[in-house]
Amino acid sequence: MNVYDKVHELANVLKDCDEVKKFREASKKIETNDKNKKMLDDFRKIQFQAYSEQIEKR
């Protein structure tokens, strides 16, 4: 078995994992609600800004 086969096997296991399924369901709920989507987008912007500031200080 080569690396490609192992990666493919891992991808299949992750795809069927309960945590991944729950994450996908939650993502769909967020994407279908404009208020939730905006809130998540705003959070990601703030998160990126904080990360950028942290990098600049190094």
N, C-alpha and C. Protein backbone atom coordinates (compact mmCIF):
# COMPACT_ATOMS: atom_id res chain seq x y z
N MET A 1 0.85 -1.17 0.00
CA MET A 1 0.00 0.00 0.00
C MET A 1 0.90 1.25 0.00
N ASN A 2 0.61 2.18 -0.87
CA ASN A 2 1.43 3.39 -0.96
C ASN A 2 0.79 4.55 -0.20
N VAL A 3 1.48 5.67 -0.20
CA VAL A 3 1.01 6.85 0.53
C VAL A 3 -0.35 7.33 -0.01
N TYR A 4 -0.50 7.34 -1.33
CA TYR A 4 -1.76 7.78 -1.94
C TYR A 4 -2.93 6.94 -1.42
N ASP A 5 -2.74 5.64 -1.34
CA ASP A 5 -3.81 4.77 -0.85
C ASP A 5 -4.16 5.08 0.61
N LYS A 6 -3.13 5.33 1.43
CA LYS A 6 -3.37 5.65 2.84
C LYS A 6 -4.10 6.98 2.98
N VAL A 7 -3.72 7.98 2.18
CA VAL A 7 -4.39 9.28 2.24
C VAL A 7 -5.84 9.14 1.82
N HIS A 8 -6.08 8.36 0.78
CA HIS A 8 -7.44 8.12 0.31
C HIS A 8 -8.27 7.42 1.39
N GLU A 9 -7.65 6.46 2.04
CA GLU A 9 -8.33 5.73 3.13
C GLU A 9 -8.67 6.70 4.27
N LEU A 10 -7.73 7.55 4.64
CA LEU A 10 -7.97 8.53 5.70
C LEU A 10 -9.09 9.49 5.32
N ALA A 11 -9.10 9.94 4.07
CA ALA A 11 -10.14 10.86 3.60
C ALA A 11 -11.52 10.20 3.73
N ASN A 12 -11.61 8.94 3.39
CA ASN A 12 -12.89 8.23 3.49
C ASN A 12 -13.34 8.07 4.94
N VAL A 13 -12.39 7.80 5.83
CA VAL A 13 -12.73 7.66 7.25
C VAL A 13 -13.21 9.00 7.80
N LEU A 14 -12.51 10.08 7.46
CA LEU A 14 -12.90 11.40 7.94
C LEU A 14 -14.26 11.82 7.39
N LYS A 15 -14.50 11.50 6.14
CA LYS A 15 -15.77 11.89 5.50
C LYS A 15 -16.97 11.29 6.23
N ASP A 16 -16.80 10.10 6.77
CA ASP A 16 -17.89 9.40 7.44
C ASP A 16 -17.88 9.59 8.96
N CYS A 17 -16.95 10.37 9.47
CA CYS A 17 -16.80 10.60 10.90
C CYS A 17 -17.97 11.46 11.41
N ASP A 18 -18.51 11.13 12.59
CA ASP A 18 -19.65 11.86 13.15
C ASP A 18 -19.34 13.35 13.34
N GLU A 19 -18.12 13.66 13.79
CA GLU A 19 -17.76 15.06 14.01
C GLU A 19 -17.81 15.85 12.71
N VAL A 20 -17.33 15.25 11.64
CA VAL A 20 -17.33 15.92 10.34
C VAL A 20 -18.76 16.09 9.84
N LYS A 21 -19.58 15.09 10.03
CA LYS A 21 -20.99 15.19 9.62
C LYS A 21 -21.69 16.31 10.38
N LYS A 22 -21.45 16.39 11.69
CA LYS A 22 -22.06 17.44 12.50
C LYS A 22 -21.56 18.82 12.08
N PHE A 23 -20.28 18.91 11.78
CA PHE A 23 -19.71 20.18 11.33
C PHE A 23 -20.36 20.62 10.02
N ARG A 24 -20.54 19.71 9.10
CA ARG A 24 -21.18 20.05 7.82
C ARG A 24 -22.62 20.50 8.03
N GLU A 25 -23.35 19.83 8.91
CA GLU A 25 -24.73 20.23 9.19
C GLU A 25 -24.77 21.63 9.80
N ALA A 26 -23.87 21.90 10.75
CA ALA A 26 -23.82 23.22 11.38
C ALA A 26 -23.47 24.29 10.34
N SER A 27 -22.53 23.99 9.46
CA SER A 27 -22.14 24.93 8.42
C SER A 27 -23.31 25.26 7.50
N LYS A 28 -24.09 24.25 7.16
CA LYS A 28 -25.26 24.48 6.31
C LYS A 28 -26.27 25.39 7.00
N LYS A 29 -26.47 25.18 8.30
CA LYS A 29 -27.41 26.02 9.05
C LYS A 29 -26.94 27.47 9.08
N ILE A 30 -25.65 27.66 9.24
CA ILE A 30 -25.09 29.02 9.25
C ILE A 30 -25.27 29.66 7.89
N GLU A 31 -24.95 28.95 6.84
CA GLU A 31 -24.99 29.49 5.49
C GLU A 31 -26.41 29.84 5.03
N THR A 32 -27.41 29.18 5.59
CA THR A 32 -28.78 29.44 5.16
C THR A 32 -29.45 30.56 5.96
N ASN A 33 -28.76 31.07 6.98
CA ASN A 33 -29.31 32.15 7.80
C ASN A 33 -28.42 33.38 7.64
N ASP A 34 -28.94 34.42 7.02
CA ASP A 34 -28.14 35.61 6.72
C ASP A 34 -27.53 36.24 7.96
N LYS A 35 -28.29 36.29 9.05
CA LYS A 35 -27.78 36.90 10.28
C LYS A 35 -26.59 36.10 10.82
N ASN A 36 -26.73 34.78 10.85
CA ASN A 36 -25.64 33.93 11.33
C ASN A 36 -24.42 34.00 10.41
N LYS A 37 -24.68 34.05 9.11
CA LYS A 37 -23.58 34.13 8.14
C LYS A 37 -22.81 35.42 8.31
N LYS A 38 -23.52 36.53 8.49
CA LYS A 38 -22.84 37.82 8.70
C LYS A 38 -22.03 37.79 9.99
N MET A 39 -22.59 37.21 11.04
CA MET A 39 -21.90 37.13 12.32
C MET A 39 -20.60 36.33 12.17
N LEU A 40 -20.66 35.23 11.47
CA LEU A 40 -19.47 34.41 11.25
C LEU A 40 -18.45 35.15 10.38
N ASP A 41 -18.92 35.82 9.35
CA ASP A 41 -18.01 36.60 8.49
C ASP A 41 -17.32 37.70 9.29
N ASP A 42 -18.08 38.39 10.14
CA ASP A 42 -17.49 39.43 10.99
C ASP A 42 -16.45 38.84 11.94
N PHE A 43 -16.76 37.70 12.52
CA PHE A 43 -15.82 37.03 13.41
C PHE A 43 -14.54 36.68 12.68
N ARG A 44 -14.67 36.14 11.48
CA ARG A 44 -13.48 35.77 10.70
C ARG A 44 -12.63 36.98 10.36
N LYS A 45 -13.26 38.12 10.07
CA LYS A 45 -12.52 39.35 9.80
C LYS A 45 -11.72 39.79 11.02
N ILE A 46 -12.37 39.77 12.19
CA ILE A 46 -11.71 40.16 13.43
C ILE A 46 -10.57 39.18 13.74
N GLN A 47 -10.83 37.91 13.52
CA GLN A 47 -9.82 36.89 13.76
C GLN A 47 -8.60 37.11 12.86
N PHE A 48 -8.84 37.43 11.60
CA PHE A 48 -7.75 37.68 10.65
C PHE A 48 -6.98 38.93 11.04
N GLN A 49 -7.69 39.97 11.46
CA GLN A 49 -7.03 41.20 11.89
C GLN A 49 -6.13 40.93 13.10
N ALA A 50 -6.62 40.18 14.06
CA ALA A 50 -5.83 39.85 15.25
C ALA A 50 -4.60 39.05 14.87
N TYR A 51 -4.78 38.10 13.96
CA TYR A 51 -3.65 37.29 13.50
C TYR A 51 -2.62 38.17 12.79
N SER A 52 -3.09 39.07 11.94
CA SER A 52 -2.20 39.97 11.20
C SER A 52 -1.40 40.86 12.15
N GLU A 53 -2.07 41.39 13.16
CA GLU A 53 -1.38 42.22 14.14
C GLU A 53 -0.34 41.44 14.92
N GLN A 54 -0.67 40.20 15.22
CA GLN A 54 0.27 39.34 15.95
C GLN A 54 1.52 39.08 15.10
N ILE A 55 1.34 38.84 13.83
CA ILE A 55 2.45 38.58 12.92
C ILE A 55 3.32 39.83 12.79
N GLU A 56 2.70 41.00 12.71
CA GLU A 56 3.43 42.25 12.53
C GLU A 56 4.33 42.54 13.74
N LYS A 57 3.93 42.10 14.92
CA LYS A 57 4.70 42.36 16.14
C LYS A 57 5.95 41.51 16.24
N ARG A 58 6.06 40.49 15.45
CA ARG A 58 7.23 39.59 15.53
C ARG A 58 8.43 40.21 14.93
